[in-house]
């Protein structure tokens, strides 16, 4: 079971690791993440889906990628920054007394996956297709499990993260990509990472 080694670092990165990003300028095109098979979803995700089935349902009529426009990019940058500011970092153990809970941080506190769930909810409300906004599990720079949101676009896959306000192409985050939500049904997609965490760490 992967645990967070340095919560203090994760808290400070949000404030100090911000990179300048102009919302109106589209990023360059890159290759998307390659899917290498199927994977089991995180148990916290399964429990979240049982409580919030509409959040996990896959609509096959939705596109799997967004035809990214300047307006879309502005919205992604704005919501990523807003949610990173609005939510205060708190481990699931401190918050709920258990190791891994996926939630909407309605009380203003949450950890990595909670930030991303709130971002996705707001983006869907703004008109983005949920099917192109995929919850993703990675191994971070400390070797711990971490949840981010992968936005799949015609210009490549971009990562919304609570550790930084800048939205980066997936291959520039420094993370090892383990798995993400699949495009159909409840099966997740394996992304070929070296390990398969059973839970996300509280970052």
C-alpha atoms as a PDB file:
ATOM      1  CA  UNK A   1       0.000   0.000   0.000  1.00  0.00           C
ATOM      2  CA  UNK A   2       1.511   3.293  -1.096  1.00  0.00           C
ATOM      3  CA  UNK A   3       1.643   6.039   1.497  1.00  0.00           C
ATOM      4  CA  UNK A   4       2.498   9.700   1.307  1.00  0.00           C
ATOM      5  CA  UNK A   5       6.041  10.364   2.462  1.00  0.00           C
ATOM      6  CA  UNK A   6       5.942  14.147   2.541  1.00  0.00           C
ATOM      7  CA  UNK A   7       2.593  15.868   2.994  1.00  0.00           C
ATOM      8  CA  UNK A   8       4.290  19.165   3.755  1.00  0.00           C
ATOM      9  CA  UNK A   9       5.960  19.169   0.339  1.00  0.00           C
ATOM     10  CA  UNK A  10       2.655  18.480  -1.390  1.00  0.00           C
ATOM     11  CA  UNK A  11       1.039  21.386   0.435  1.00  0.00           C
ATOM     12  CA  UNK A  12       3.764  23.825  -0.521  1.00  0.00           C
ATOM     13  CA  UNK A  13       4.048  22.762  -4.172  1.00  0.00           C
ATOM     14  CA  UNK A  14       0.572  24.101  -4.829  1.00  0.00           C
ATOM     15  CA  UNK A  15       1.669  27.531  -3.731  1.00  0.00           C
ATOM     16  CA  UNK A  16       5.272  27.594  -4.946  1.00  0.00           C
ATOM     17  CA  UNK A  17       5.203  25.359  -8.021  1.00  0.00           C
ATOM     18  CA  UNK A  18       2.848  27.550 -10.018  1.00  0.00           C
ATOM     19  CA  UNK A  19       4.039  28.178 -13.538  1.00  0.00           C
ATOM     20  CA  UNK A  20       2.891  31.115 -15.623  1.00  0.00           C
ATOM     21  CA  UNK A  21       0.279  30.024 -18.115  1.00  0.00           C
ATOM     22  CA  UNK A  22      -1.623  32.213 -20.532  1.00  0.00           C
ATOM     23  CA  UNK A  23      -5.138  30.880 -20.848  1.00  0.00           C
ATOM     24  CA  UNK A  24      -5.770  32.155 -24.365  1.00  0.00           C
ATOM     25  CA  UNK A  25      -2.759  30.458 -25.997  1.00  0.00           C
ATOM     26  CA  UNK A  26      -3.304  26.852 -27.009  1.00  0.00           C
ATOM     27  CA  UNK A  27      -0.562  24.376 -26.090  1.00  0.00           C
ATOM     28  CA  UNK A  28       1.391  22.537 -28.746  1.00  0.00           C
ATOM     29  CA  UNK A  29       0.149  19.172 -29.980  1.00  0.00           C
ATOM     30  CA  UNK A  30       1.671  16.004 -28.486  1.00  0.00           C
ATOM     31  CA  UNK A  31       1.141  12.258 -28.700  1.00  0.00           C
ATOM     32  CA  UNK A  32      -1.510  10.840 -26.327  1.00  0.00           C
ATOM     33  CA  UNK A  33      -0.823   8.278 -23.627  1.00  0.00           C
ATOM     34  CA  UNK A  34      -0.735   4.748 -25.027  1.00  0.00           C
ATOM     35  CA  UNK A  35      -3.135   2.224 -23.547  1.00  0.00           C
ATOM     36  CA  UNK A  36      -1.493  -1.181 -23.089  1.00  0.00           C
ATOM     37  CA  UNK A  37      -4.328  -3.263 -21.711  1.00  0.00           C
ATOM     38  CA  UNK A  38      -7.020  -3.270 -19.041  1.00  0.00           C
ATOM     39  CA  UNK A  39      -6.744  -2.683 -15.298  1.00  0.00           C
ATOM     40  CA  UNK A  40      -8.841  -2.929 -12.159  1.00  0.00           C
ATOM     41  CA  UNK A  41     -10.117   0.386 -10.812  1.00  0.00           C
ATOM     42  CA  UNK A  42      -9.023   1.750  -7.443  1.00  0.00           C
ATOM     43  CA  UNK A  43     -11.233   0.496  -4.592  1.00  0.00           C
ATOM     44  CA  UNK A  44     -11.924   4.073  -3.510  1.00  0.00           C
ATOM     45  CA  UNK A  45     -13.270   4.731  -7.014  1.00  0.00           C
ATOM     46  CA  UNK A  46     -15.539   1.680  -6.844  1.00  0.00           C
ATOM     47  CA  UNK A  47     -17.030   2.892  -3.570  1.00  0.00           C
ATOM     48  CA  UNK A  48     -17.421   6.407  -4.988  1.00  0.00           C
ATOM     49  CA  UNK A  49     -19.269   5.018  -8.025  1.00  0.00           C
ATOM     50  CA  UNK A  50     -21.633   3.020  -5.824  1.00  0.00           C
ATOM     51  CA  UNK A  51     -22.598   6.273  -4.096  1.00  0.00           C
ATOM     52  CA  UNK A  52     -22.504   8.458  -7.234  1.00  0.00           C
ATOM     53  CA  UNK A  53     -23.395   6.228 -10.215  1.00  0.00           C
ATOM     54  CA  UNK A  54     -24.055   9.150 -12.578  1.00  0.00           C
ATOM     55  CA  UNK A  55     -20.453  10.333 -12.103  1.00  0.00           C
ATOM     56  CA  UNK A  56     -19.105   7.008 -13.331  1.00  0.00           C
ATOM     57  CA  UNK A  57     -21.557   6.201 -16.109  1.00  0.00           C
ATOM     58  CA  UNK A  58     -20.105   6.166 -19.614  1.00  0.00           C
ATOM     59  CA  UNK A  59     -22.183   7.716 -22.395  1.00  0.00           C
ATOM     60  CA  UNK A  60     -20.943   6.106 -25.649  1.00  0.00           C
ATOM     61  CA  UNK A  61     -22.407   8.984 -27.643  1.00  0.00           C
ATOM     62  CA  UNK A  62     -19.914  11.389 -26.058  1.00  0.00           C
ATOM     63  CA  UNK A  63     -16.544  11.940 -27.740  1.00  0.00           C
ATOM     64  CA  UNK A  64     -13.465  10.390 -26.140  1.00  0.00           C
ATOM     65  CA  UNK A  65     -11.416  13.478 -26.984  1.00  0.00           C
ATOM     66  CA  UNK A  66     -12.118  17.208 -26.963  1.00  0.00           C
ATOM     67  CA  UNK A  67     -11.480  19.276 -30.067  1.00  0.00           C
ATOM     68  CA  UNK A  68      -9.522  21.770 -27.989  1.00  0.00           C
ATOM     69  CA  UNK A  69     -10.239  25.462 -28.634  1.00  0.00           C
ATOM     70  CA  UNK A  70      -8.821  28.588 -27.005  1.00  0.00           C
ATOM     71  CA  UNK A  71     -12.076  28.975 -25.069  1.00  0.00           C
ATOM     72  CA  UNK A  72     -11.822  25.387 -23.795  1.00  0.00           C
ATOM     73  CA  UNK A  73      -8.212  25.915 -22.750  1.00  0.00           C
ATOM     74  CA  UNK A  74      -9.125  29.085 -20.857  1.00  0.00           C
ATOM     75  CA  UNK A  75     -11.842  27.177 -19.009  1.00  0.00           C
ATOM     76  CA  UNK A  76      -9.465  24.328 -18.113  1.00  0.00           C
ATOM     77  CA  UNK A  77      -6.840  26.736 -16.775  1.00  0.00           C
ATOM     78  CA  UNK A  78      -9.383  28.738 -14.806  1.00  0.00           C
ATOM     79  CA  UNK A  79     -11.132  25.779 -13.164  1.00  0.00           C
ATOM     80  CA  UNK A  80      -7.855  24.029 -12.369  1.00  0.00           C
ATOM     81  CA  UNK A  81      -6.612  27.130 -10.544  1.00  0.00           C
ATOM     82  CA  UNK A  82      -9.928  27.842  -8.824  1.00  0.00           C
ATOM     83  CA  UNK A  83     -10.293  24.346  -7.365  1.00  0.00           C
ATOM     84  CA  UNK A  84      -6.648  24.220  -6.293  1.00  0.00           C
ATOM     85  CA  UNK A  85      -7.295  27.448  -4.368  1.00  0.00           C
ATOM     86  CA  UNK A  86     -10.742  26.569  -3.015  1.00  0.00           C
ATOM     87  CA  UNK A  87      -9.864  23.190  -1.463  1.00  0.00           C
ATOM     88  CA  UNK A  88      -7.516  22.841   1.505  1.00  0.00           C
ATOM     89  CA  UNK A  89      -5.329  19.709   1.506  1.00  0.00           C
ATOM     90  CA  UNK A  90      -6.197  17.137   4.172  1.00  0.00           C
ATOM     91  CA  UNK A  91      -5.427  13.421   4.273  1.00  0.00           C
ATOM     92  CA  UNK A  92      -8.281  10.928   4.230  1.00  0.00           C
ATOM     93  CA  UNK A  93      -7.009   9.546   7.528  1.00  0.00           C
ATOM     94  CA  UNK A  94      -7.266  12.961   9.175  1.00  0.00           C
ATOM     95  CA  UNK A  95     -10.471  13.822   7.352  1.00  0.00           C
ATOM     96  CA  UNK A  96     -12.472  10.614   7.570  1.00  0.00           C
ATOM     97  CA  UNK A  97     -10.444   8.275   9.762  1.00  0.00           C
ATOM     98  CA  UNK A  98      -9.858   5.815   6.893  1.00  0.00           C
ATOM     99  CA  UNK A  99      -7.144   5.462   4.261  1.00  0.00           C
ATOM    100  CA  UNK A 100      -8.808   6.123   0.904  1.00  0.00           C
ATOM    101  CA  UNK A 101     -12.094   7.977   0.352  1.00  0.00           C
ATOM    102  CA  UNK A 102     -13.047   9.601  -2.965  1.00  0.00           C
ATOM    103  CA  UNK A 103     -15.319  12.577  -2.345  1.00  0.00           C
ATOM    104  CA  UNK A 104     -16.371  16.028  -3.606  1.00  0.00           C
ATOM    105  CA  UNK A 105     -14.683  17.920  -0.729  1.00  0.00           C
ATOM    106  CA  UNK A 106     -17.980  19.595   0.130  1.00  0.00           C
ATOM    107  CA  UNK A 107     -16.580  20.846   3.440  1.00  0.00           C
ATOM    108  CA  UNK A 108     -13.627  22.478   1.687  1.00  0.00           C
ATOM    109  CA  UNK A 109     -11.055  19.793   2.558  1.00  0.00           C
ATOM    110  CA  UNK A 110      -9.768  16.918   0.465  1.00  0.00           C
ATOM    111  CA  UNK A 111      -6.811  15.088  -1.022  1.00  0.00           C
ATOM    112  CA  UNK A 112      -5.609  14.489  -4.572  1.00  0.00           C
ATOM    113  CA  UNK A 113      -8.554  12.592  -6.034  1.00  0.00           C
ATOM    114  CA  UNK A 114     -11.082  14.930  -4.388  1.00  0.00           C
ATOM    115  CA  UNK A 115      -9.575  17.942  -6.155  1.00  0.00           C
ATOM    116  CA  UNK A 116      -9.874  16.165  -9.505  1.00  0.00           C
ATOM    117  CA  UNK A 117     -13.446  15.006  -8.923  1.00  0.00           C
ATOM    118  CA  UNK A 118     -14.509  18.583  -8.190  1.00  0.00           C
ATOM    119  CA  UNK A 119     -12.691  19.844 -11.299  1.00  0.00           C
ATOM    120  CA  UNK A 120     -14.396  17.257 -13.459  1.00  0.00           C
ATOM    121  CA  UNK A 121     -17.808  18.058 -12.004  1.00  0.00           C
ATOM    122  CA  UNK A 122     -17.342  21.770 -12.767  1.00  0.00           C
ATOM    123  CA  UNK A 123     -16.048  21.093 -16.270  1.00  0.00           C
ATOM    124  CA  UNK A 124     -18.986  18.810 -17.074  1.00  0.00           C
ATOM    125  CA  UNK A 125     -21.332  21.527 -15.808  1.00  0.00           C
ATOM    126  CA  UNK A 126     -19.520  23.902 -18.201  1.00  0.00           C
ATOM    127  CA  UNK A 127     -20.273  21.586 -21.137  1.00  0.00           C
ATOM    128  CA  UNK A 128     -17.195  19.330 -21.363  1.00  0.00           C
ATOM    129  CA  UNK A 129     -17.854  15.646 -22.160  1.00  0.00           C
ATOM    130  CA  UNK A 130     -17.201  13.527 -19.074  1.00  0.00           C
ATOM    131  CA  UNK A 131     -15.909  10.727 -21.287  1.00  0.00           C
ATOM    132  CA  UNK A 132     -12.889  12.878 -22.214  1.00  0.00           C
ATOM    133  CA  UNK A 133     -12.125  13.725 -18.552  1.00  0.00           C
ATOM    134  CA  UNK A 134     -10.492  10.624 -17.128  1.00  0.00           C
ATOM    135  CA  UNK A 135      -9.464  10.049 -13.514  1.00  0.00           C
ATOM    136  CA  UNK A 136      -5.894   8.717 -13.613  1.00  0.00           C
ATOM    137  CA  UNK A 137      -3.541   7.044 -11.155  1.00  0.00           C
ATOM    138  CA  UNK A 138       0.187   7.795 -11.339  1.00  0.00           C
ATOM    139  CA  UNK A 139       3.335   7.283  -9.311  1.00  0.00           C
ATOM    140  CA  UNK A 140       4.656  10.709  -8.352  1.00  0.00           C
ATOM    141  CA  UNK A 141       8.163  12.075  -7.820  1.00  0.00           C
ATOM    142  CA  UNK A 142       8.259  10.559  -4.315  1.00  0.00           C
ATOM    143  CA  UNK A 143       7.286   7.092  -5.493  1.00  0.00           C
ATOM    144  CA  UNK A 144       3.793   7.410  -4.006  1.00  0.00           C
ATOM    145  CA  UNK A 145       0.389   6.820  -5.568  1.00  0.00           C
ATOM    146  CA  UNK A 146      -1.280  10.028  -6.748  1.00  0.00           C
ATOM    147  CA  UNK A 147      -4.514  10.880  -8.584  1.00  0.00           C
ATOM    148  CA  UNK A 148      -4.731  13.421 -11.400  1.00  0.00           C
ATOM    149  CA  UNK A 149      -7.267  14.135 -14.110  1.00  0.00           C
ATOM    150  CA  UNK A 150      -6.317  13.443 -17.698  1.00  0.00           C
ATOM    151  CA  UNK A 151      -8.042  15.678 -20.233  1.00  0.00           C
ATOM    152  CA  UNK A 152      -7.990  13.855 -23.557  1.00  0.00           C
ATOM    153  CA  UNK A 153      -7.911  16.249 -26.506  1.00  0.00           C
ATOM    154  CA  UNK A 154      -7.148  16.354 -30.205  1.00  0.00           C
ATOM    155  CA  UNK A 155      -3.874  18.063 -29.208  1.00  0.00           C
ATOM    156  CA  UNK A 156      -2.853  15.289 -26.797  1.00  0.00           C
ATOM    157  CA  UNK A 157      -3.481  14.353 -23.177  1.00  0.00           C
ATOM    158  CA  UNK A 158      -3.130  17.078 -20.545  1.00  0.00           C
ATOM    159  CA  UNK A 159      -2.960  16.746 -16.780  1.00  0.00           C
ATOM    160  CA  UNK A 160      -4.918  18.697 -14.176  1.00  0.00           C
ATOM    161  CA  UNK A 161      -3.140  18.330 -10.853  1.00  0.00           C
ATOM    162  CA  UNK A 162      -3.516  19.736  -7.344  1.00  0.00           C
ATOM    163  CA  UNK A 163       0.272  19.942  -6.999  1.00  0.00           C
ATOM    164  CA  UNK A 164       0.557  22.714  -9.580  1.00  0.00           C
ATOM    165  CA  UNK A 165      -1.653  25.253 -11.295  1.00  0.00           C
ATOM    166  CA  UNK A 166       0.000  24.849 -14.693  1.00  0.00           C
ATOM    167  CA  UNK A 167      -1.651  22.272 -16.950  1.00  0.00           C
ATOM    168  CA  UNK A 168       1.068  20.134 -18.494  1.00  0.00           C
ATOM    169  CA  UNK A 169       1.201  17.555 -21.281  1.00  0.00           C
ATOM    170  CA  UNK A 170       1.209  14.132 -19.654  1.00  0.00           C
ATOM    171  CA  UNK A 171       4.844  13.395 -20.557  1.00  0.00           C
ATOM    172  CA  UNK A 172       6.139  16.572 -18.883  1.00  0.00           C
ATOM    173  CA  UNK A 173       4.817  15.891 -15.378  1.00  0.00           C
ATOM    174  CA  UNK A 174       7.597  13.512 -14.351  1.00  0.00           C
ATOM    175  CA  UNK A 175       5.001  10.920 -13.286  1.00  0.00           C
ATOM    176  CA  UNK A 176       4.798   7.203 -14.087  1.00  0.00           C
ATOM    177  CA  UNK A 177       1.342   6.504 -15.532  1.00  0.00           C
ATOM    178  CA  UNK A 178      -0.360   3.434 -14.098  1.00  0.00           C
ATOM    179  CA  UNK A 179      -4.001   3.428 -15.174  1.00  0.00           C
ATOM    180  CA  UNK A 180      -7.018   5.593 -15.935  1.00  0.00           C
ATOM    181  CA  UNK A 181     -10.735   5.274 -16.378  1.00  0.00           C
ATOM    182  CA  UNK A 182     -11.615   3.379 -19.505  1.00  0.00           C
ATOM    183  CA  UNK A 183     -13.652   4.772 -22.380  1.00  0.00           C
ATOM    184  CA  UNK A 184     -16.438   2.237 -21.900  1.00  0.00           C
ATOM    185  CA  UNK A 185     -17.892   0.488 -18.880  1.00  0.00           C
ATOM    186  CA  UNK A 186     -16.280   0.046 -15.480  1.00  0.00           C
ATOM    187  CA  UNK A 187     -12.957  -1.468 -16.639  1.00  0.00           C
ATOM    188  CA  UNK A 188      -9.989   0.881 -16.420  1.00  0.00           C
ATOM    189  CA  UNK A 189      -7.185   1.170 -18.966  1.00  0.00           C
ATOM    190  CA  UNK A 190      -3.637   0.140 -18.084  1.00  0.00           C
ATOM    191  CA  UNK A 191      -1.021   2.716 -19.080  1.00  0.00           C
ATOM    192  CA  UNK A 192       2.002   0.478 -18.628  1.00  0.00           C
ATOM    193  CA  UNK A 193       3.455   1.800 -15.360  1.00  0.00           C
ATOM    194  CA  UNK A 194       5.876  -0.298 -13.371  1.00  0.00           C
ATOM    195  CA  UNK A 195       3.561  -0.907 -10.406  1.00  0.00           C
ATOM    196  CA  UNK A 196      -0.165  -1.025  -9.731  1.00  0.00           C
ATOM    197  CA  UNK A 197      -1.151   0.771  -6.521  1.00  0.00           C
ATOM    198  CA  UNK A 198      -4.261  -0.408  -4.752  1.00  0.00           C
ATOM    199  CA  UNK A 199      -5.050   3.054  -3.475  1.00  0.00           C
ATOM    200  CA  UNK A 200      -4.020   6.652  -4.008  1.00  0.00           C
ATOM    201  CA  UNK A 201      -1.917   8.447  -1.442  1.00  0.00           C
ATOM    202  CA  UNK A 202      -3.226  11.463   0.453  1.00  0.00           C
ATOM    203  CA  UNK A 203      -1.619  14.271  -1.503  1.00  0.00           C
END
